[in-house]
């Protein structure tokens, strides 16, 4: 559940591109959980729509479980954003004079 493939099963394109590449999915996952779940539940507790103890317990449990459930989705969103912003990085779009180090490593390993 908490693993992603290192390469695409269809085309072999590297999905994990090096150190620090996990920070994008981490930010997406954190932002999604905080702003769509934890914050609204806490606001509901503070404004007395829900008893505060129940709101705190729900927010705590959600903050622990939702990142696990959204892990793969956050990676998918990150890859979509990355390749939307940098389409030349896709295997099909890259040129011969590509300066991406992970592509260079791939060439050396073949």
PDB file of N, CA and C in Angstrom:
ATOM      1  N   UNK A   1       0.825  -1.195   0.000  1.00  0.00           N
ATOM      2  CA  UNK A   1       0.000   0.000   0.000  1.00  0.00           C
ATOM      3  C   UNK A   1       0.870   1.259   0.000  1.00  0.00           C
ATOM      4  N   UNK A   2       1.980   1.226   0.709  1.00  0.00           N
ATOM      5  CA  UNK A   2       2.828   2.408   0.792  1.00  0.00           C
ATOM      6  C   UNK A   2       4.041   2.307  -0.122  1.00  0.00           C
ATOM      7  N   UNK A   3       3.922   1.547  -1.163  1.00  0.00           N
ATOM      8  CA  UNK A   3       5.018   1.431  -2.119  1.00  0.00           C
ATOM      9  C   UNK A   3       4.539   1.877  -3.481  1.00  0.00           C
ATOM     10  N   UNK A   4       5.461   2.469  -4.205  1.00  0.00           N
ATOM     11  CA  UNK A   4       5.161   2.777  -5.595  1.00  0.00           C
ATOM     12  C   UNK A   4       6.179   2.038  -6.441  1.00  0.00           C
ATOM     13  N   UNK A   5       5.833   1.833  -7.676  1.00  0.00           N
ATOM     14  CA  UNK A   5       6.782   1.200  -8.586  1.00  0.00           C
ATOM     15  C   UNK A   5       7.869   2.200  -8.927  1.00  0.00           C
ATOM     16  N   UNK A   6       9.057   1.698  -9.112  1.00  0.00           N
ATOM     17  CA  UNK A   6      10.163   2.581  -9.476  1.00  0.00           C
ATOM     18  C   UNK A   6      10.119   2.924 -10.959  1.00  0.00           C
ATOM     19  N   UNK A   7       9.448   2.086 -11.740  1.00  0.00           N
ATOM     20  CA  UNK A   7       9.323   2.317 -13.181  1.00  0.00           C
ATOM     21  C   UNK A   7       7.896   1.993 -13.619  1.00  0.00           C
ATOM     22  N   UNK A   8       7.473   2.639 -14.692  1.00  0.00           N
ATOM     23  CA  UNK A   8       6.160   2.365 -15.273  1.00  0.00           C
ATOM     24  C   UNK A   8       6.152   0.938 -15.826  1.00  0.00           C
ATOM     25  N   UNK A   9       5.086   0.199 -15.556  1.00  0.00           N
ATOM     26  CA  UNK A   9       5.008  -1.182 -16.034  1.00  0.00           C
ATOM     27  C   UNK A   9       4.782  -1.254 -17.542  1.00  0.00           C
ATOM     28  N   UNK A  10       4.292  -0.189 -18.144  1.00  0.00           N
ATOM     29  CA  UNK A  10       4.032  -0.177 -19.583  1.00  0.00           C
ATOM     30  C   UNK A  10       5.245   0.232 -20.411  1.00  0.00           C
ATOM     31  N   UNK A  11       5.888   1.343 -20.015  1.00  0.00           N
ATOM     32  CA  UNK A  11       6.955   1.892 -20.861  1.00  0.00           C
ATOM     33  C   UNK A  11       8.334   1.878 -20.206  1.00  0.00           C
ATOM     34  N   UNK A  12       8.418   1.578 -18.917  1.00  0.00           N
ATOM     35  CA  UNK A  12       9.702   1.539 -18.241  1.00  0.00           C
ATOM     36  C   UNK A  12      10.219   2.894 -17.787  1.00  0.00           C
ATOM     37  N   UNK A  13       9.432   3.945 -17.935  1.00  0.00           N
ATOM     38  CA  UNK A  13       9.859   5.283 -17.531  1.00  0.00           C
ATOM     39  C   UNK A  13      10.045   5.336 -16.013  1.00  0.00           C
ATOM     40  N   UNK A  14      11.141   5.946 -15.539  1.00  0.00           N
ATOM     41  CA  UNK A  14      11.344   6.035 -14.089  1.00  0.00           C
ATOM     42  C   UNK A  14      10.299   6.945 -13.441  1.00  0.00           C
ATOM     43  N   UNK A  15       9.707   6.472 -12.358  1.00  0.00           N
ATOM     44  CA  UNK A  15       8.699   7.261 -11.660  1.00  0.00           C
ATOM     45  C   UNK A  15       9.288   7.977 -10.459  1.00  0.00           C
ATOM     46  N   UNK A  16      10.210   7.348  -9.770  1.00  0.00           N
ATOM     47  CA  UNK A  16      10.876   7.985  -8.643  1.00  0.00           C
ATOM     48  C   UNK A  16      12.204   8.506  -9.169  1.00  0.00           C
ATOM     49  N   UNK A  17      12.358   9.815  -9.208  1.00  0.00           N
ATOM     50  CA  UNK A  17      13.439  10.406  -9.965  1.00  0.00           C
ATOM     51  C   UNK A  17      14.647  10.809  -9.132  1.00  0.00           C
ATOM     52  N   UNK A  18      14.717  10.428  -7.897  1.00  0.00           N
ATOM     53  CA  UNK A  18      15.900  10.733  -7.107  1.00  0.00           C
ATOM     54  C   UNK A  18      15.554  11.274  -5.737  1.00  0.00           C
ATOM     55  N   UNK A  19      16.597  11.634  -5.002  1.00  0.00           N
ATOM     56  CA  UNK A  19      16.416  12.161  -3.654  1.00  0.00           C
ATOM     57  C   UNK A  19      15.578  13.433  -3.686  1.00  0.00           C
ATOM     58  N   UNK A  20      14.657  13.531  -2.770  1.00  0.00           N
ATOM     59  CA  UNK A  20      13.837  14.724  -2.662  1.00  0.00           C
ATOM     60  C   UNK A  20      12.595  14.706  -3.527  1.00  0.00           C
ATOM     61  N   UNK A  21      12.463  13.720  -4.394  1.00  0.00           N
ATOM     62  CA  UNK A  21      11.307  13.687  -5.286  1.00  0.00           C
ATOM     63  C   UNK A  21      10.023  13.361  -4.525  1.00  0.00           C
ATOM     64  N   UNK A  22      10.147  12.775  -3.345  1.00  0.00           N
ATOM     65  CA  UNK A  22       8.982  12.434  -2.536  1.00  0.00           C
ATOM     66  C   UNK A  22       8.358  13.663  -1.874  1.00  0.00           C
ATOM     67  N   UNK A  23       9.030  14.807  -1.901  1.00  0.00           N
ATOM     68  CA  UNK A  23       8.506  16.001  -1.235  1.00  0.00           C
ATOM     69  C   UNK A  23       7.230  16.520  -1.899  1.00  0.00           C
ATOM     70  N   UNK A  24       7.111  16.377  -3.203  1.00  0.00           N
ATOM     71  CA  UNK A  24       5.894  16.801  -3.898  1.00  0.00           C
ATOM     72  C   UNK A  24       4.672  16.043  -3.416  1.00  0.00           C
ATOM     73  N   UNK A  25       4.712  14.700  -3.444  1.00  0.00           N
ATOM     74  CA  UNK A  25       3.565  13.947  -2.930  1.00  0.00           C
ATOM     75  C   UNK A  25       3.296  14.208  -1.455  1.00  0.00           C
ATOM     76  N   UNK A  26       4.346  14.430  -0.687  1.00  0.00           N
ATOM     77  CA  UNK A  26       4.180  14.718   0.734  1.00  0.00           C
ATOM     78  C   UNK A  26       3.382  16.001   0.932  1.00  0.00           C
ATOM     79  N   UNK A  27       3.713  17.039   0.186  1.00  0.00           N
ATOM     80  CA  UNK A  27       2.993  18.318   0.291  1.00  0.00           C
ATOM     81  C   UNK A  27       1.550  18.183  -0.164  1.00  0.00           C
ATOM     82  N   UNK A  28       1.338  17.457  -1.249  1.00  0.00           N
ATOM     83  CA  UNK A  28      -0.028  17.252  -1.743  1.00  0.00           C
ATOM     84  C   UNK A  28      -0.847  16.487  -0.707  1.00  0.00           C
ATOM     85  N   UNK A  29      -0.286  15.435  -0.166  1.00  0.00           N
ATOM     86  CA  UNK A  29      -0.979  14.616   0.822  1.00  0.00           C
ATOM     87  C   UNK A  29      -1.291  15.423   2.079  1.00  0.00           C
ATOM     88  N   UNK A  30      -0.306  16.131   2.586  1.00  0.00           N
ATOM     89  CA  UNK A  30      -0.485  16.940   3.795  1.00  0.00           C
ATOM     90  C   UNK A  30      -1.543  18.023   3.573  1.00  0.00           C
ATOM     91  N   UNK A  31      -1.435  18.748   2.474  1.00  0.00           N
ATOM     92  CA  UNK A  31      -2.394  19.813   2.180  1.00  0.00           C
ATOM     93  C   UNK A  31      -3.809  19.294   2.030  1.00  0.00           C
ATOM     94  N   UNK A  32      -3.943  18.164   1.359  1.00  0.00           N
ATOM     95  CA  UNK A  32      -5.269  17.579   1.164  1.00  0.00           C
ATOM     96  C   UNK A  32      -5.890  17.187   2.500  1.00  0.00           C
ATOM     97  N   UNK A  33      -5.129  16.517   3.330  1.00  0.00           N
ATOM     98  CA  UNK A  33      -5.661  16.065   4.621  1.00  0.00           C
ATOM     99  C   UNK A  33      -5.993  17.249   5.526  1.00  0.00           C
ATOM    100  N   UNK A  34      -5.095  18.204   5.627  1.00  0.00           N
ATOM    101  CA  UNK A  34      -5.306  19.329   6.544  1.00  0.00           C
ATOM    102  C   UNK A  34      -6.465  20.207   6.093  1.00  0.00           C
ATOM    103  N   UNK A  35      -6.468  20.603   4.825  1.00  0.00           N
ATOM    104  CA  UNK A  35      -7.452  21.591   4.383  1.00  0.00           C
ATOM    105  C   UNK A  35      -8.810  21.007   4.020  1.00  0.00           C
ATOM    106  N   UNK A  36      -8.887  19.720   3.704  1.00  0.00           N
ATOM    107  CA  UNK A  36     -10.192  19.157   3.358  1.00  0.00           C
ATOM    108  C   UNK A  36     -10.804  18.317   4.470  1.00  0.00           C
ATOM    109  N   UNK A  37     -10.008  17.965   5.487  1.00  0.00           N
ATOM    110  CA  UNK A  37     -10.580  17.146   6.555  1.00  0.00           C
ATOM    111  C   UNK A  37     -10.334  17.724   7.950  1.00  0.00           C
ATOM    112  N   UNK A  38      -9.092  17.850   8.344  1.00  0.00           N
ATOM    113  CA  UNK A  38      -8.777  18.235   9.725  1.00  0.00           C
ATOM    114  C   UNK A  38      -9.316  19.624  10.056  1.00  0.00           C
ATOM    115  N   UNK A  39      -9.033  20.598   9.221  1.00  0.00           N
ATOM    116  CA  UNK A  39      -9.482  21.967   9.489  1.00  0.00           C
ATOM    117  C   UNK A  39     -11.006  22.079   9.558  1.00  0.00           C
ATOM    118  N   UNK A  40     -11.761  21.532   8.591  1.00  0.00           N
ATOM    119  CA  UNK A  40     -13.226  21.608   8.717  1.00  0.00           C
ATOM    120  C   UNK A  40     -13.773  20.903   9.965  1.00  0.00           C
ATOM    121  N   UNK A  41     -13.181  19.763  10.327  1.00  0.00           N
ATOM    122  CA  UNK A  41     -13.653  19.055  11.527  1.00  0.00           C
ATOM    123  C   UNK A  41     -13.364  19.880  12.778  1.00  0.00           C
ATOM    124  N   UNK A  42     -12.193  20.481  12.853  1.00  0.00           N
ATOM    125  CA  UNK A  42     -11.872  21.317  14.017  1.00  0.00           C
ATOM    126  C   UNK A  42     -12.746  22.562  14.076  1.00  0.00           C
ATOM    127  N   UNK A  43     -13.029  23.159  12.936  1.00  0.00           N
ATOM    128  CA  UNK A  43     -13.933  24.317  12.909  1.00  0.00           C
ATOM    129  C   UNK A  43     -15.326  23.908  13.381  1.00  0.00           C
ATOM    130  N   UNK A  44     -15.780  22.734  12.941  1.00  0.00           N
ATOM    131  CA  UNK A  44     -17.085  22.239  13.393  1.00  0.00           C
ATOM    132  C   UNK A  44     -17.091  22.021  14.904  1.00  0.00           C
ATOM    133  N   UNK A  45     -15.978  21.582  15.458  1.00  0.00           N
ATOM    134  CA  UNK A  45     -15.896  21.382  16.907  1.00  0.00           C
ATOM    135  C   UNK A  45     -15.859  22.682  17.677  1.00  0.00           C
ATOM    136  N   UNK A  46     -15.116  23.651  17.173  1.00  0.00           N
ATOM    137  CA  UNK A  46     -14.998  24.941  17.860  1.00  0.00           C
ATOM    138  C   UNK A  46     -16.312  25.708  17.803  1.00  0.00           C
ATOM    139  N   UNK A  47     -17.032  25.615  16.693  1.00  0.00           N
ATOM    140  CA  UNK A  47     -18.304  26.335  16.557  1.00  0.00           C
ATOM    141  C   UNK A  47     -19.479  25.567  17.157  1.00  0.00           C
ATOM    142  N   UNK A  48     -19.201  24.436  17.794  1.00  0.00           N
ATOM    143  CA  UNK A  48     -20.199  23.626  18.506  1.00  0.00           C
ATOM    144  C   UNK A  48     -21.198  22.933  17.590  1.00  0.00           C
ATOM    145  N   UNK A  49     -20.874  22.723  16.339  1.00  0.00           N
ATOM    146  CA  UNK A  49     -21.722  21.886  15.483  1.00  0.00           C
ATOM    147  C   UNK A  49     -21.591  20.434  15.905  1.00  0.00           C
ATOM    148  N   UNK A  50     -20.399  20.123  16.371  1.00  0.00           N
ATOM    149  CA  UNK A  50     -20.070  18.782  16.858  1.00  0.00           C
ATOM    150  C   UNK A  50     -19.406  18.982  18.221  1.00  0.00           C
ATOM    151  N   UNK A  51     -19.657  18.101  19.179  1.00  0.00           N
ATOM    152  CA  UNK A  51     -18.944  18.237  20.460  1.00  0.00           C
ATOM    153  C   UNK A  51     -17.423  18.253  20.237  1.00  0.00           C
ATOM    154  N   UNK A  52     -16.748  19.107  20.965  1.00  0.00           N
ATOM    155  CA  UNK A  52     -15.318  19.332  20.755  1.00  0.00           C
ATOM    156  C   UNK A  52     -14.491  18.060  20.920  1.00  0.00           C
ATOM    157  N   UNK A  53     -14.815  17.230  21.898  1.00  0.00           N
ATOM    158  CA  UNK A  53     -14.058  15.987  22.102  1.00  0.00           C
ATOM    159  C   UNK A  53     -14.184  15.059  20.898  1.00  0.00           C
ATOM    160  N   UNK A  54     -15.372  14.976  20.351  1.00  0.00           N
ATOM    161  CA  UNK A  54     -15.583  14.126  19.171  1.00  0.00           C
ATOM    162  C   UNK A  54     -14.841  14.704  17.972  1.00  0.00           C
ATOM    163  N   UNK A  55     -14.876  16.017  17.821  1.00  0.00           N
ATOM    164  CA  UNK A  55     -14.170  16.662  16.708  1.00  0.00           C
ATOM    165  C   UNK A  55     -12.665  16.443  16.813  1.00  0.00           C
ATOM    166  N   UNK A  56     -12.115  16.579  18.013  1.00  0.00           N
ATOM    167  CA  UNK A  56     -10.675  16.364  18.207  1.00  0.00           C
ATOM    168  C   UNK A  56     -10.289  14.914  17.927  1.00  0.00           C
ATOM    169  N   UNK A  57     -11.095  13.984  18.415  1.00  0.00           N
ATOM    170  CA  UNK A  57     -10.805  12.565  18.173  1.00  0.00           C
ATOM    171  C   UNK A  57     -10.904  12.233  16.687  1.00  0.00           C
ATOM    172  N   UNK A  58     -11.929  12.760  16.030  1.00  0.00           N
ATOM    173  CA  UNK A  58     -12.101  12.521  14.595  1.00  0.00           C
ATOM    174  C   UNK A  58     -10.956  13.126  13.798  1.00  0.00           C
ATOM    175  N   UNK A  59     -10.561  14.340  14.142  1.00  0.00           N
ATOM    176  CA  UNK A  59      -9.450  14.993  13.444  1.00  0.00           C
ATOM    177  C   UNK A  59      -8.154  14.217  13.647  1.00  0.00           C
ATOM    178  N   UNK A  60      -7.915  13.735  14.855  1.00  0.00           N
ATOM    179  CA  UNK A  60      -6.699  12.976  15.146  1.00  0.00           C
ATOM    180  C   UNK A  60      -6.665  11.665  14.367  1.00  0.00           C
ATOM    181  N   UNK A  61      -7.752  10.928  14.400  1.00  0.00           N
ATOM    182  CA  UNK A  61      -7.814   9.650  13.684  1.00  0.00           C
ATOM    183  C   UNK A  61      -7.707   9.880  12.178  1.00  0.00           C
ATOM    184  N   UNK A  62      -8.400  10.894  11.683  1.00  0.00           N
ATOM    185  CA  UNK A  62      -8.312  11.213  10.257  1.00  0.00           C
ATOM    186  C   UNK A  62      -6.919  11.636   9.836  1.00  0.00           C
ATOM    187  N   UNK A  63      -6.239  12.391  10.702  1.00  0.00           N
ATOM    188  CA  UNK A  63      -4.873  12.834  10.391  1.00  0.00           C
ATOM    189  C   UNK A  63      -3.910  11.660  10.339  1.00  0.00           C
ATOM    190  N   UNK A  64      -4.213  10.592  11.040  1.00  0.00           N
ATOM    191  CA  UNK A  64      -3.360   9.404  10.999  1.00  0.00           C
ATOM    192  C   UNK A  64      -3.697   8.481   9.831  1.00  0.00           C
ATOM    193  N   UNK A  65      -4.980   8.303   9.542  1.00  0.00           N
ATOM    194  CA  UNK A  65      -5.389   7.316   8.542  1.00  0.00           C
ATOM    195  C   UNK A  65      -5.467   7.850   7.114  1.00  0.00           C
ATOM    196  N   UNK A  66      -5.934   9.075   6.941  1.00  0.00           N
ATOM    197  CA  UNK A  66      -6.106   9.596   5.585  1.00  0.00           C
ATOM    198  C   UNK A  66      -4.813   9.677   4.774  1.00  0.00           C
ATOM    199  N   UNK A  67      -3.689  10.082   5.344  1.00  0.00           N
ATOM    200  CA  UNK A  67      -2.464  10.077   4.538  1.00  0.00           C
ATOM    201  C   UNK A  67      -2.110   8.694   4.000  1.00  0.00           C
ATOM    202  N   UNK A  68      -2.403   7.663   4.768  1.00  0.00           N
ATOM    203  CA  UNK A  68      -2.143   6.306   4.286  1.00  0.00           C
ATOM    204  C   UNK A  68      -3.051   5.954   3.114  1.00  0.00           C
ATOM    205  N   UNK A  69      -4.308   6.350   3.217  1.00  0.00           N
ATOM    206  CA  UNK A  69      -5.259   6.052   2.146  1.00  0.00           C
ATOM    207  C   UNK A  69      -5.000   6.879   0.886  1.00  0.00           C
ATOM    208  N   UNK A  70      -4.468   8.075   1.050  1.00  0.00           N
ATOM    209  CA  UNK A  70      -4.246   8.975  -0.085  1.00  0.00           C
ATOM    210  C   UNK A  70      -2.831   8.901  -0.653  1.00  0.00           C
ATOM    211  N   UNK A  71      -2.015   7.985  -0.157  1.00  0.00           N
ATOM    212  CA  UNK A  71      -0.605   7.922  -0.550  1.00  0.00           C
ATOM    213  C   UNK A  71      -0.428   7.765  -2.064  1.00  0.00           C
ATOM    214  N   UNK A  72      -1.049   6.771  -2.636  1.00  0.00           N
ATOM    215  CA  UNK A  72      -0.888   6.543  -4.082  1.00  0.00           C
ATOM    216  C   UNK A  72      -1.528   7.658  -4.906  1.00  0.00           C
ATOM    217  N   UNK A  73      -2.654   8.163  -4.450  1.00  0.00           N
ATOM    218  CA  UNK A  73      -3.301   9.268  -5.160  1.00  0.00           C
ATOM    219  C   UNK A  73      -2.406  10.497  -5.178  1.00  0.00           C
ATOM    220  N   UNK A  74      -1.738  10.781  -4.069  1.00  0.00           N
ATOM    221  CA  UNK A  74      -0.855  11.950  -4.035  1.00  0.00           C
ATOM    222  C   UNK A  74       0.333  11.768  -4.978  1.00  0.00           C
ATOM    223  N   UNK A  75       0.849  10.546  -5.102  1.00  0.00           N
ATOM    224  CA  UNK A  75       1.926  10.293  -6.069  1.00  0.00           C
ATOM    225  C   UNK A  75       1.420  10.488  -7.496  1.00  0.00           C
ATOM    226  N   UNK A  76       0.214  10.017  -7.778  1.00  0.00           N
ATOM    227  CA  UNK A  76      -0.351  10.192  -9.122  1.00  0.00           C
ATOM    228  C   UNK A  76      -0.536  11.666  -9.447  1.00  0.00           C
ATOM    229  N   UNK A  77      -1.055  12.420  -8.493  1.00  0.00           N
ATOM    230  CA  UNK A  77      -1.234  13.862  -8.712  1.00  0.00           C
ATOM    231  C   UNK A  77       0.107  14.552  -8.910  1.00  0.00           C
ATOM    232  N   UNK A  78       1.119  14.173  -8.124  1.00  0.00           N
ATOM    233  CA  UNK A  78       2.440  14.780  -8.257  1.00  0.00           C
ATOM    234  C   UNK A  78       3.046  14.493  -9.628  1.00  0.00           C
ATOM    235  N   UNK A  79       2.950  13.256 -10.090  1.00  0.00           N
ATOM    236  CA  UNK A  79       3.485  12.922 -11.411  1.00  0.00           C
ATOM    237  C   UNK A  79       2.748  13.689 -12.505  1.00  0.00           C
ATOM    238  N   UNK A  80       1.427  13.826 -12.355  1.00  0.00           N
ATOM    239  CA  UNK A  80       0.657  14.579 -13.338  1.00  0.00           C
ATOM    240  C   UNK A  80       1.111  16.037 -13.371  1.00  0.00           C
ATOM    241  N   UNK A  81       1.255  16.658 -12.215  1.00  0.00           N
ATOM    242  CA  UNK A  81       1.688  18.058 -12.154  1.00  0.00           C
ATOM    243  C   UNK A  81       3.098  18.207 -12.706  1.00  0.00           C
ATOM    244  N   UNK A  82       3.988  17.302 -12.328  1.00  0.00           N
ATOM    245  CA  UNK A  82       5.385  17.367 -12.770  1.00  0.00           C
ATOM    246  C   UNK A  82       5.482  17.304 -14.293  1.00  0.00           C
ATOM    247  N   UNK A  83       4.828  16.324 -14.885  1.00  0.00           N
ATOM    248  CA  UNK A  83       4.927  16.165 -16.336  1.00  0.00           C
ATOM    249  C   UNK A  83       4.061  17.167 -17.096  1.00  0.00           C
ATOM    250  N   UNK A  84       3.072  17.742 -16.450  1.00  0.00           N
ATOM    251  CA  UNK A  84       2.316  18.823 -17.069  1.00  0.00           C
ATOM    252  C   UNK A  84       3.190  20.066 -17.178  1.00  0.00           C
ATOM    253  N   UNK A  85       3.985  20.319 -16.135  1.00  0.00           N
ATOM    254  CA  UNK A  85       4.875  21.486 -16.138  1.00  0.00           C
ATOM    255  C   UNK A  85       6.142  21.253 -16.948  1.00  0.00           C
ATOM    256  N   UNK A  86       6.611  20.029 -17.019  1.00  0.00           N
ATOM    257  CA  UNK A  86       7.854  19.701 -17.731  1.00  0.00           C
ATOM    258  C   UNK A  86       7.610  18.567 -18.730  1.00  0.00           C
ATOM    259  N   UNK A  87       6.847  18.825 -19.793  1.00  0.00           N
ATOM    260  CA  UNK A  87       6.511  17.746 -20.725  1.00  0.00           C
ATOM    261  C   UNK A  87       7.722  17.172 -21.457  1.00  0.00           C
ATOM    262  N   UNK A  88       8.811  17.925 -21.552  1.00  0.00           N
ATOM    263  CA  UNK A  88      10.001  17.407 -22.229  1.00  0.00           C
ATOM    264  C   UNK A  88      10.674  16.293 -21.439  1.00  0.00           C
ATOM    265  N   UNK A  89      10.300  16.125 -20.189  1.00  0.00           N
ATOM    266  CA  UNK A  89      10.877  15.070 -19.361  1.00  0.00           C
ATOM    267  C   UNK A  89      10.263  13.701 -19.650  1.00  0.00           C
ATOM    268  N   UNK A  90       9.111  13.669 -20.305  1.00  0.00           N
ATOM    269  CA  UNK A  90       8.492  12.388 -20.640  1.00  0.00           C
ATOM    270  C   UNK A  90       9.362  11.640 -21.634  1.00  0.00           C
ATOM    271  N   UNK A  91       9.375  10.322 -21.526  1.00  0.00           N
ATOM    272  CA  UNK A  91      10.186   9.511 -22.429  1.00  0.00           C
ATOM    273  C   UNK A  91       9.875   9.796 -23.892  1.00  0.00           C
ATOM    274  N   UNK A  92       8.608   9.879 -24.218  1.00  0.00           N
ATOM    275  CA  UNK A  92       8.218  10.074 -25.616  1.00  0.00           C
ATOM    276  C   UNK A  92       8.589  11.460 -26.130  1.00  0.00           C
ATOM    277  N   UNK A  93       8.756  12.428 -25.247  1.00  0.00           N
ATOM    278  CA  UNK A  93       9.029  13.804 -25.660  1.00  0.00           C
ATOM    279  C   UNK A  93      10.489  14.209 -25.527  1.00  0.00           C
ATOM    280  N   UNK A  94      11.306  13.387 -24.905  1.00  0.00           N
ATOM    281  CA  UNK A  94      12.679  13.816 -24.645  1.00  0.00           C
ATOM    282  C   UNK A  94      13.508  13.839 -25.924  1.00  0.00           C
ATOM    283  N   UNK A  95      14.441  14.743 -25.925  1.00  0.00           N
ATOM    284  CA  UNK A  95      15.324  14.861 -27.086  1.00  0.00           C
ATOM    285  C   UNK A  95      16.615  14.108 -26.814  1.00  0.00           C
ATOM    286  N   UNK A  96      17.416  13.960 -27.829  1.00  0.00           N
ATOM    287  CA  UNK A  96      18.688  13.250 -27.681  1.00  0.00           C
ATOM    288  C   UNK A  96      19.661  14.006 -26.785  1.00  0.00           C
ATOM    289  N   UNK A  97      19.560  15.337 -26.761  1.00  0.00           N
ATOM    290  CA  UNK A  97      20.481  16.122 -25.939  1.00  0.00           C
ATOM    291  C   UNK A  97      19.865  16.475 -24.583  1.00  0.00           C
ATOM    292  N   UNK A  98      19.095  15.556 -24.031  1.00  0.00           N
ATOM    293  CA  UNK A  98      18.458  15.747 -22.730  1.00  0.00           C
ATOM    294  C   UNK A  98      19.528  15.794 -21.641  1.00  0.00           C
ATOM    295  N   UNK A  99      19.414  16.746 -20.724  1.00  0.00           N
ATOM    296  CA  UNK A  99      20.410  16.867 -19.663  1.00  0.00           C
ATOM    297  C   UNK A  99      19.924  16.296 -18.332  1.00  0.00           C
ATOM    298  N   UNK A 100      18.889  15.500 -18.366  1.00  0.00           N
ATOM    299  CA  UNK A 100      18.360  14.893 -17.150  1.00  0.00           C
ATOM    300  C   UNK A 100      19.263  13.738 -16.720  1.00  0.00           C
ATOM    301  N   UNK A 101      19.740  13.791 -15.494  1.00  0.00           N
ATOM    302  CA  UNK A 101      20.686  12.791 -15.011  1.00  0.00           C
ATOM    303  C   UNK A 101      20.085  11.400 -14.935  1.00  0.00           C
ATOM    304  N   UNK A 102      18.815  11.283 -14.589  1.00  0.00           N
ATOM    305  CA  UNK A 102      18.233   9.947 -14.483  1.00  0.00           C
ATOM    306  C   UNK A 102      18.131   9.292 -15.852  1.00  0.00           C
ATOM    307  N   UNK A 103      17.934  10.086 -16.908  1.00  0.00           N
ATOM    308  CA  UNK A 103      17.930   9.512 -18.245  1.00  0.00           C
ATOM    309  C   UNK A 103      19.336   9.081 -18.637  1.00  0.00           C
ATOM    310  N   UNK A 104      20.338   9.832 -18.207  1.00  0.00           N
ATOM    311  CA  UNK A 104      21.722   9.468 -18.502  1.00  0.00           C
ATOM    312  C   UNK A 104      22.081   8.154 -17.811  1.00  0.00           C
ATOM    313  N   UNK A 105      21.658   7.988 -16.567  1.00  0.00           N
ATOM    314  CA  UNK A 105      21.914   6.744 -15.857  1.00  0.00           C
ATOM    315  C   UNK A 105      21.236   5.585 -16.562  1.00  0.00           C
ATOM    316  N   UNK A 106      20.048   5.835 -17.084  1.00  0.00           N
ATOM    317  CA  UNK A 106      19.317   4.798 -17.787  1.00  0.00           C
ATOM    318  C   UNK A 106      20.068   4.380 -19.044  1.00  0.00           C
ATOM    319  N   UNK A 107      20.631   5.349 -19.760  1.00  0.00           N
ATOM    320  CA  UNK A 107      21.394   5.028 -20.966  1.00  0.00           C
ATOM    321  C   UNK A 107      22.612   4.179 -20.621  1.00  0.00           C
ATOM    322  N   UNK A 108      23.283   4.506 -19.510  1.00  0.00           N
ATOM    323  CA  UNK A 108      24.480   3.771 -19.113  1.00  0.00           C
ATOM    324  C   UNK A 108      24.161   2.339 -18.715  1.00  0.00           C
ATOM    325  N   UNK A 109      22.994   2.130 -18.130  1.00  0.00           N
ATOM    326  CA  UNK A 109      22.652   0.792 -17.651  1.00  0.00           C
ATOM    327  C   UNK A 109      22.177  -0.130 -18.765  1.00  0.00           C
ATOM    328  N   UNK A 110      21.901   0.400 -19.938  1.00  0.00           N
ATOM    329  CA  UNK A 110      21.412  -0.444 -21.041  1.00  0.00           C
ATOM    330  C   UNK A 110      22.529  -1.077 -21.812  1.00  0.00           C
TER     331      UNK A 110
END
